[in-house]
Protein backbone atom coordinates (compact mmCIF):
# COMPACT_ATOMS: atom_id res chain seq x y z
CA MET A 1 0.07 -0.09 0.17
CA GLU A 2 1.67 3.74 -0.75
CA GLN A 3 2.60 5.49 2.06
CA ILE A 4 0.26 8.40 3.38
CA THR A 5 3.25 11.38 3.20
CA PRO A 6 2.68 15.35 2.98
CA ASP A 7 3.98 15.95 -0.45
CA LYS A 8 1.96 13.24 -2.16
CA LYS A 9 -1.37 14.14 -3.54
CA ILE A 10 -3.77 11.98 -1.50
CA SER A 11 -6.83 10.51 -2.97
CA LEU A 12 -9.39 8.41 -1.42
CA GLN A 13 -8.43 5.28 -2.54
CA MET A 14 -5.53 5.94 0.04
CA VAL A 15 -7.66 7.35 2.59
CA LEU A 16 -9.26 4.13 2.70
CA ASP A 17 -6.58 2.11 2.62
CA GLN A 18 -4.69 3.65 5.26
CA LEU A 19 -8.27 3.11 7.45
CA LYS A 20 -8.50 -0.70 6.54
CA GLN A 21 -4.84 -1.13 7.45
CA GLU A 22 -5.29 1.11 11.23
CA ASN A 23 -8.83 -1.11 11.27
CA LEU A 24 -11.13 1.78 11.58
CA ALA A 25 -13.22 1.15 7.92
CA PRO A 26 -14.72 -1.89 7.53
CA ALA A 27 -13.50 -3.68 4.38
CA ASP A 28 -16.42 -3.29 2.35
CA ALA A 29 -16.21 0.36 2.79
CA ASP A 30 -15.23 0.78 -1.00
CA ALA A 31 -18.10 -0.19 -2.09
CA LYS A 32 -20.79 1.51 0.62
CA ILE A 33 -19.07 4.87 -0.60
CA GLN A 34 -19.24 3.94 -4.02
CA THR A 35 -22.71 3.36 -3.14
CA TYR A 36 -23.31 6.97 -1.87
CA ILE A 37 -21.29 8.35 -4.42
CA GLU A 38 -23.73 7.09 -7.27
CA SER A 39 -27.24 8.57 -5.13
CA LYS A 40 -25.85 11.88 -3.94
CA PRO A 41 -27.54 14.61 -5.94
CA ASP A 42 -25.31 16.53 -8.19
CA VAL A 43 -22.97 19.33 -7.01
CA PRO A 44 -24.25 22.70 -6.26
CA ASN A 45 -22.98 25.17 -8.20
CA PRO A 46 -19.48 27.20 -6.86
CA TRP A 47 -20.21 29.94 -4.00
CA TYR A 48 -18.83 32.46 -6.49
CA ILE A 49 -21.26 31.81 -8.98
CA GLN A 50 -24.42 31.56 -6.23
CA VAL A 51 -23.17 34.91 -5.00
CA MET A 52 -23.60 36.52 -8.78
CA VAL A 53 -27.44 34.57 -8.48
CA GLY A 54 -27.85 36.25 -4.75
CA PHE A 55 -26.98 39.48 -6.58
CA SER A 56 -29.33 39.05 -9.63
CA ALA A 57 -32.03 38.23 -7.65
CA TRP A 58 -31.33 41.82 -5.46
CA LEU A 59 -31.63 43.63 -9.04
CA ALA A 60 -34.39 41.45 -10.91
CA ALA A 61 -36.17 42.51 -6.82
CA ILE A 62 -35.14 46.13 -7.35
CA PHE A 63 -36.59 46.63 -11.22
CA PHE A 64 -39.51 44.69 -10.25
CA LEU A 65 -40.63 46.93 -7.26
CA ILE A 66 -39.72 49.70 -9.65
CA PHE A 67 -42.08 48.61 -11.90
CA LEU A 68 -45.19 47.25 -10.24
CA ILE A 69 -44.99 50.54 -7.52
CA GLY A 70 -44.93 52.74 -11.20
CA VAL A 71 -47.04 50.87 -12.89
CA PHE A 72 -50.04 49.77 -10.59
CA ARG A 73 -49.58 52.34 -7.90
CA ILE A 74 -50.04 50.31 -5.33
CA GLU A 75 -51.37 51.80 -1.97
CA GLU A 76 -49.78 50.97 1.41
CA LYS A 77 -52.56 48.84 2.66
CA SER A 78 -51.86 46.41 -0.36
CA PHE A 79 -48.41 45.71 0.74
CA LEU A 80 -48.61 43.42 3.14
CA VAL A 81 -51.22 41.32 1.06
CA LEU A 82 -48.38 41.41 -1.97
CA GLY A 83 -45.93 40.61 0.78
CA LEU A 84 -46.93 37.30 1.80
CA LEU A 85 -48.52 35.99 -1.13
CA PHE A 86 -44.88 36.66 -3.29
CA CYS A 87 -43.40 35.17 0.20
CA ALA A 88 -45.99 32.20 -0.64
CA ALA A 89 -45.46 31.70 -3.89
CA ALA A 90 -41.35 31.93 -3.76
CA CYS A 91 -42.11 28.79 -0.94
CA PHE A 92 -44.35 27.17 -3.22
CA LEU A 93 -41.42 27.29 -6.23
CA LYS A 94 -38.85 26.55 -4.23
CA ARG A 95 -40.52 23.06 -3.13
CA MET A 96 -41.83 22.34 -6.13
CA PRO A 97 -40.43 18.68 -7.29
CA LYS A 98 -38.44 19.94 -10.64
CA ASP A 99 -36.80 17.56 -13.39
CA VAL A 100 -35.11 19.68 -15.85
CA ASP A 101 -31.92 21.27 -15.22
CA LEU A 102 -32.30 24.37 -17.08
CA PHE A 103 -36.33 24.86 -15.41
CA VAL A 104 -34.86 24.04 -12.26
CA ILE A 105 -32.51 26.85 -12.60
CA PHE A 106 -35.04 29.28 -13.97
CA LEU A 107 -37.27 28.68 -11.32
CA ASN A 108 -34.71 29.22 -8.24
CA GLN A 109 -34.27 32.26 -9.48
CA LEU A 110 -37.58 33.35 -10.00
CA ALA A 111 -38.66 32.11 -6.21
CA LEU A 112 -35.44 33.69 -4.98
CA ILE A 113 -36.62 37.06 -6.57
CA ALA A 114 -39.77 36.17 -5.21
CA ASN A 115 -38.75 36.14 -1.62
CA VAL A 116 -37.10 38.74 -2.02
CA THR A 117 -39.73 41.16 -3.39
CA GLY A 118 -42.14 39.59 -0.67
CA GLN A 119 -39.36 40.19 2.08
CA VAL A 120 -39.30 44.10 0.73
CA PHE A 121 -43.48 44.55 0.53
CA ILE A 122 -43.48 43.21 3.68
CA LEU A 123 -41.45 45.88 5.17
CA ILE A 124 -41.98 48.50 3.29
CA TRP A 125 -46.12 48.13 4.94
CA VAL A 126 -44.38 47.81 8.31
CA GLY A 127 -42.53 51.52 7.86
CA CYS A 128 -45.75 52.94 5.88
CA THR A 129 -47.17 51.91 9.26
CA PHE A 130 -45.22 52.58 12.30
CA ARG A 131 -43.20 55.15 10.67
CA ASP A 132 -40.24 54.12 12.51
CA GLU A 133 -36.80 52.09 12.14
CA THR A 134 -37.04 49.82 15.15
CA PRO A 135 -40.51 48.07 13.64
CA ILE A 136 -38.94 47.89 10.72
CA CYS A 137 -35.83 46.26 12.09
CA LEU A 138 -37.54 43.90 14.07
CA ALA A 139 -40.24 43.06 11.19
CA ALA A 140 -36.49 41.74 8.98
CA ILE A 141 -35.12 39.73 11.85
CA ILE A 142 -38.78 38.24 12.30
CA LEU A 143 -39.36 37.57 8.46
CA GLN A 144 -35.90 36.25 8.29
CA LEU A 145 -36.28 33.45 10.73
CA ILE A 146 -39.83 32.21 9.04
CA MET A 147 -38.30 32.14 5.98
CA LEU A 148 -34.99 30.55 7.08
CA LEU A 149 -37.32 27.90 8.43
CA VAL A 150 -40.20 27.52 4.91
CA TYR A 151 -37.57 28.65 2.46
CA PRO A 152 -35.04 25.53 1.28
CA ASP A 153 -32.42 27.81 -0.21
CA LYS A 154 -28.88 28.50 0.80
CA ILE A 155 -28.32 32.28 -0.52
CA GLN A 156 -31.66 32.78 2.47
CA ARG A 157 -29.59 30.42 5.04
CA PHE A 158 -26.47 33.15 4.29
CA ALA A 159 -28.25 36.09 3.87
CA THR A 160 -30.53 35.45 7.69
CA PRO A 161 -27.45 36.24 10.44
CA VAL A 162 -25.98 38.97 7.75
CA VAL A 163 -29.66 41.07 7.87
CA ILE A 164 -30.46 39.30 11.60
CA ILE A 165 -26.75 41.85 13.05
CA SER A 166 -27.36 44.28 10.61
CA ALA A 167 -31.10 44.73 11.25
CA ILE A 168 -29.98 44.87 15.59
CA ILE A 169 -27.39 47.72 15.29
CA PRO A 170 -30.41 50.89 14.72
CA ILE A 171 -31.96 48.89 17.66
CA LEU A 172 -28.81 49.56 19.64
CA GLN A 173 -28.84 52.61 18.38
CA GLU A 174 -31.84 53.49 19.04
CA LEU A 175 -32.07 52.48 22.53
CA SER A 176 -28.48 54.53 22.85
CA ILE A 177 -27.17 51.96 25.42
CA GLN A 178 -23.86 53.14 26.10
CA PHE A 179 -20.73 50.21 25.49
CA SER A 180 -24.03 48.09 23.98
CA MET A 181 -21.57 48.18 20.57
CA HIS A 182 -18.77 46.73 22.44
CA PHE A 183 -21.26 43.75 23.84
CA PHE A 184 -22.38 42.81 20.79
CA ILE A 185 -19.59 42.45 18.57
CA VAL A 186 -18.00 40.01 21.07
CA ALA A 187 -21.39 38.40 21.18
CA VAL A 188 -21.17 37.41 17.58
CA ALA A 189 -17.37 36.77 17.53
CA ALA A 190 -18.05 34.58 20.53
CA GLY A 191 -20.91 32.84 18.63
CA THR A 192 -19.45 32.62 15.94
CA LEU A 193 -16.04 30.67 17.55
CA ALA A 194 -18.87 28.20 19.02
CA VAL A 195 -20.36 27.31 15.69
CA TRP A 196 -16.86 26.86 13.65
CA LEU A 197 -15.93 25.05 16.28
CA PHE A 198 -18.61 22.51 16.18
CA LEU A 199 -19.61 22.93 12.69
CA PHE A 200 -18.39 19.46 11.76
CA GLN A 201 -19.79 17.66 15.14
CA PRO A 202 -22.36 15.44 14.67
CA PHE A 203 -25.25 17.60 15.39
CA PHE A 204 -24.27 20.45 12.92
CA ILE A 205 -23.44 17.56 10.02
CA LYS A 206 -27.21 16.49 10.61
CA TRP A 207 -28.04 19.93 10.13
CA ALA A 208 -25.57 20.64 7.66
CA ASP A 209 -27.97 22.01 5.09
CA TYR A 210 -28.54 24.93 7.16
CA ALA A 211 -25.50 25.69 9.66
CA HIS A 212 -22.25 25.78 6.67
CA PRO A 213 -23.79 28.67 4.81
CA ILE A 214 -25.20 30.59 8.38
CA ALA A 215 -21.62 29.69 9.29
CA TYR A 216 -20.76 31.75 6.42
CA GLY A 217 -22.85 34.61 6.90
CA LEU A 218 -21.40 34.65 10.85
CA ILE A 219 -17.84 35.68 9.69
CA LEU A 220 -19.19 37.81 7.35
CA SER A 221 -21.65 39.55 9.43
CA PHE A 222 -18.55 40.00 12.01
CA LEU A 223 -16.28 41.04 9.68
CA HIS A 224 -18.64 43.84 8.85
CA LEU A 225 -19.06 44.68 13.06
CA LEU A 226 -15.65 45.71 12.74
CA LEU A 227 -15.62 47.61 10.16
CA VAL A 228 -17.69 50.45 12.22
CA SER A 229 -14.44 50.75 14.44
CA VAL A 230 -12.81 52.20 10.93
CA GLY A 231 -15.04 54.97 10.92
CA GLU A 232 -13.62 58.41 12.42
CA GLY A 233 -13.77 61.23 11.61
CA TYR A 234 -17.26 60.26 8.89
CA GLU A 235 -20.66 60.03 9.28
CA TYR A 236 -20.52 55.92 9.90
CA ASP A 237 -18.57 56.94 13.17
CA ARG A 238 -21.06 60.12 14.60
CA MET A 239 -23.74 57.41 14.50
CA PHE A 240 -22.11 54.91 16.69
CA LYS A 241 -20.42 57.23 18.56
CA GLY A 242 -23.20 56.93 21.77
CA LEU A 243 -23.04 52.94 21.31
CA VAL A 244 -19.14 52.90 21.80
CA GLY A 245 -18.50 55.45 24.29
CA GLY A 246 -15.27 56.89 22.43
CA CYS A 247 -12.77 54.17 22.89
CA TRP A 248 -12.54 50.45 21.12
CA TRP A 249 -9.93 49.21 24.40
CA PRO A 250 -13.30 46.97 25.47
CA THR A 251 -13.85 45.31 22.05
CA THR A 252 -10.24 44.50 22.10
CA VAL A 253 -10.19 42.58 25.42
CA GLY A 254 -13.31 40.48 24.26
CA LEU A 255 -11.76 39.87 21.29
CA MET A 256 -8.43 38.87 22.48
CA LEU A 257 -10.31 36.39 25.10
CA CYS A 258 -12.03 34.54 22.21
CA PHE A 259 -8.78 34.53 20.49
CA TRP A 260 -7.14 33.20 23.54
CA VAL A 261 -10.41 30.47 23.48
CA LEU A 262 -9.51 29.53 20.05
CA ILE A 263 -5.94 28.75 20.58
CA ALA A 264 -6.28 26.51 23.66
CA HIS A 265 -8.64 24.64 21.51
CA ILE A 266 -6.47 24.00 18.81
CA PHE A 267 -3.58 22.99 21.19
CA ARG A 268 -5.81 20.66 22.61
CA PHE A 269 -7.11 19.26 19.33
CA TYR A 270 -3.35 18.37 18.39
CA LYS A 271 -2.65 17.33 21.82
CA GLN A 272 -0.12 19.52 23.04
CA PRO A 273 1.29 20.89 26.14
CA LEU A 274 -0.64 23.97 27.18
CA GLU A 275 3.47 25.43 27.64
CA LYS A 276 6.28 27.24 25.85
CA LEU A 277 4.43 27.78 21.89
CA PHE A 278 1.67 28.06 23.70
CA LEU A 279 2.59 30.95 26.02
CA ILE A 280 4.35 32.88 23.40
CA VAL A 281 0.99 33.05 20.70
CA LEU A 282 -1.18 34.06 24.34
CA LEU A 283 1.70 36.94 25.16
CA ALA A 284 2.30 38.11 21.31
CA SER A 285 -2.10 38.42 21.19
CA GLY A 286 -1.84 40.08 24.25
CA VAL A 287 0.77 42.08 23.16
CA LEU A 288 -0.62 42.96 19.96
CA ALA A 289 -4.14 43.76 21.65
CA TRP A 290 -2.50 46.74 23.54
CA ILE A 291 -0.92 47.80 20.48
CA THR A 292 -3.95 48.23 18.40
CA ARG A 293 -6.05 48.34 22.04
CA GLU A 294 -8.22 51.49 19.66
CA SER A 295 -8.38 49.12 16.18
CA PRO A 296 -9.88 45.91 16.95
CA GLY A 297 -10.07 45.03 13.68
CA ILE A 298 -6.98 43.96 13.65
CA LEU A 299 -7.01 41.33 16.30
CA GLY A 300 -10.39 40.48 14.73
CA SER A 301 -9.72 40.07 11.62
CA ILE A 302 -6.64 37.82 12.72
CA PHE A 303 -8.60 35.35 15.18
CA ILE A 304 -11.27 35.06 12.03
CA LEU A 305 -7.90 34.29 9.82
CA VAL A 306 -6.57 31.56 12.34
CA LEU A 307 -10.01 29.83 12.33
CA GLY A 308 -10.36 29.58 8.64
CA PHE A 309 -6.92 28.20 8.97
CA TYR A 310 -7.93 25.50 11.33
CA ARG A 311 -10.95 24.59 9.22
CA SER A 312 -9.36 24.68 6.45
CA THR A 313 -10.90 26.97 4.92
CA LYS A 314 -9.46 29.29 1.73
CA LEU A 315 -13.00 31.11 0.91
CA VAL A 316 -13.03 32.57 4.85
CA GLN A 317 -9.35 32.89 4.40
CA ALA A 318 -9.46 35.06 1.38
CA LEU A 319 -12.24 37.01 2.58
CA THR A 320 -10.05 37.88 5.80
CA ILE A 321 -7.38 38.84 4.47
CA ILE A 322 -9.38 41.67 1.85
CA PHE A 323 -10.72 43.33 5.60
CA LEU A 324 -7.16 42.67 7.25
CA ALA A 325 -5.28 44.57 4.61
CA ILE A 326 -8.52 47.39 5.01
CA PHE A 327 -7.94 47.57 9.29
CA VAL A 328 -4.53 47.79 9.14
CA ILE A 329 -4.28 50.27 6.35
CA HIS A 330 -6.29 52.58 8.64
CA TYR A 331 -4.77 52.01 11.58
CA TYR A 332 -1.06 52.66 9.49
CA TYR A 333 -2.29 55.54 8.20
CA PHE A 334 -4.03 57.01 11.29
CA MET A 335 -1.65 56.51 14.22
CA ASP A 336 0.17 59.55 15.64
CA VAL A 337 3.71 58.44 16.10
CA THR A 338 6.35 57.83 14.38
CA LEU A 339 7.70 55.94 11.16
CA LEU A 340 9.57 53.59 13.11
CA THR A 341 6.91 52.72 15.78
CA LYS A 342 4.90 51.86 12.75
CA SER A 343 6.95 49.78 11.08
CA PHE A 344 7.72 47.41 14.06
CA ILE A 345 3.83 47.39 14.78
CA LEU A 346 3.88 45.75 11.05
CA MET A 347 6.76 43.12 11.79
CA GLY A 348 4.77 42.04 15.52
CA VAL A 349 1.51 41.33 13.38
CA ALA A 350 3.81 39.19 10.18
CA VAL A 351 5.83 37.90 13.43
CA LEU A 352 2.25 36.59 14.75
CA LEU A 353 0.86 35.15 11.90
CA PHE A 354 3.53 33.81 10.17
CA MET A 355 3.61 31.86 13.95
CA THR A 356 0.33 30.69 14.29
CA ARG A 357 0.64 29.88 10.06
CA ALA A 358 3.95 27.58 10.61
CA PHE A 359 2.18 26.07 13.77
CA LEU A 360 -1.00 24.73 12.10
CA VAL A 361 0.68 23.75 8.61
CA CYS A 362 3.01 22.05 10.37
CA LYS A 363 0.91 19.73 13.16
CA CYS A 364 -1.74 19.35 9.44
CA CYS A 365 0.92 17.86 7.49
CA CYS A 366 3.79 16.42 9.47
CA THR A 367 2.90 12.39 10.60
CA LYS A 368 3.74 11.42 13.57
CA GLU A 369 6.37 9.72 12.64
CA GLU A 370 8.30 12.62 10.56
CA LYS A 371 10.39 16.18 12.39
CA PRO A 372 8.56 19.08 12.12
CA CYS A 373 8.27 20.41 9.17
CA ILE A 374 9.38 23.97 10.93
């Protein structure tokens, strides 16, 4: 049997042979897997195709709304009825049996457009009825939870946490609770960490069709929330100044604790003693948190980046790198220090990232018999 080594491309057959040799797979595993693959439905479209489909649905819904409102002059009372009808039609189109591939694509896009249009109609009715932002946000949250259950679509499930978290922000602003934004961002970070750490547990695997899109939606929502910290001097900053209390270090402290929990979980997963490298990583992240205490986006992005490396999710890594670049550039140009100090800070961030990546690559790729890769 061909030995699995880090420098070789691993195939499914090699993994099966290794599992059989270690008595971790039954002798008929090949036949069972082949039967499962043959019975498995077609592979869904790649994520970027689904993103474009979702964007096109929003675009189509906007033009469709303009057409309906402009041509038929819909009254305020009719928006609720039309919204419910469109949402019901979307659920029916999504759940009806489909046989022809091209027809499936058309009906899925039509259902998504009807879903978006129906939700917008209902929110317009709520806005016309109550004339306030809070009822609109509460209605958006309730709508997302209902459609999450009755409308079986990955784009809807991905959008649910994004819309809900975005809707909570105006509610917090309306309540004007001091420092509430700090608790909210840390709560979203903790929830995101919990979902991604247990994403491949038996319970979540059973609900993978729901859990995976929601997990990605939480990542995007968390990174979007961190953008609030880069609005210094703009209207965006004045909008949330009362919610943050004029400082960002509480958020940074909370994110540092989430990062430490993640690092401890990684070390425990790879059965590494909590010594030396673990303490070095904790110390380095603590120093970074102190240096960037007024810019939590940097530590938050590194937290998500390490989580992406740990789960080997390239999409999360790529998305986080984009946000990390935004936060680092903002922090670099708005610092009231010398260029030498800025250089040392950038070097410290790079060292922390290299250390974390080297550890994860070493533990994921090296076998027990080999020496460490670094």
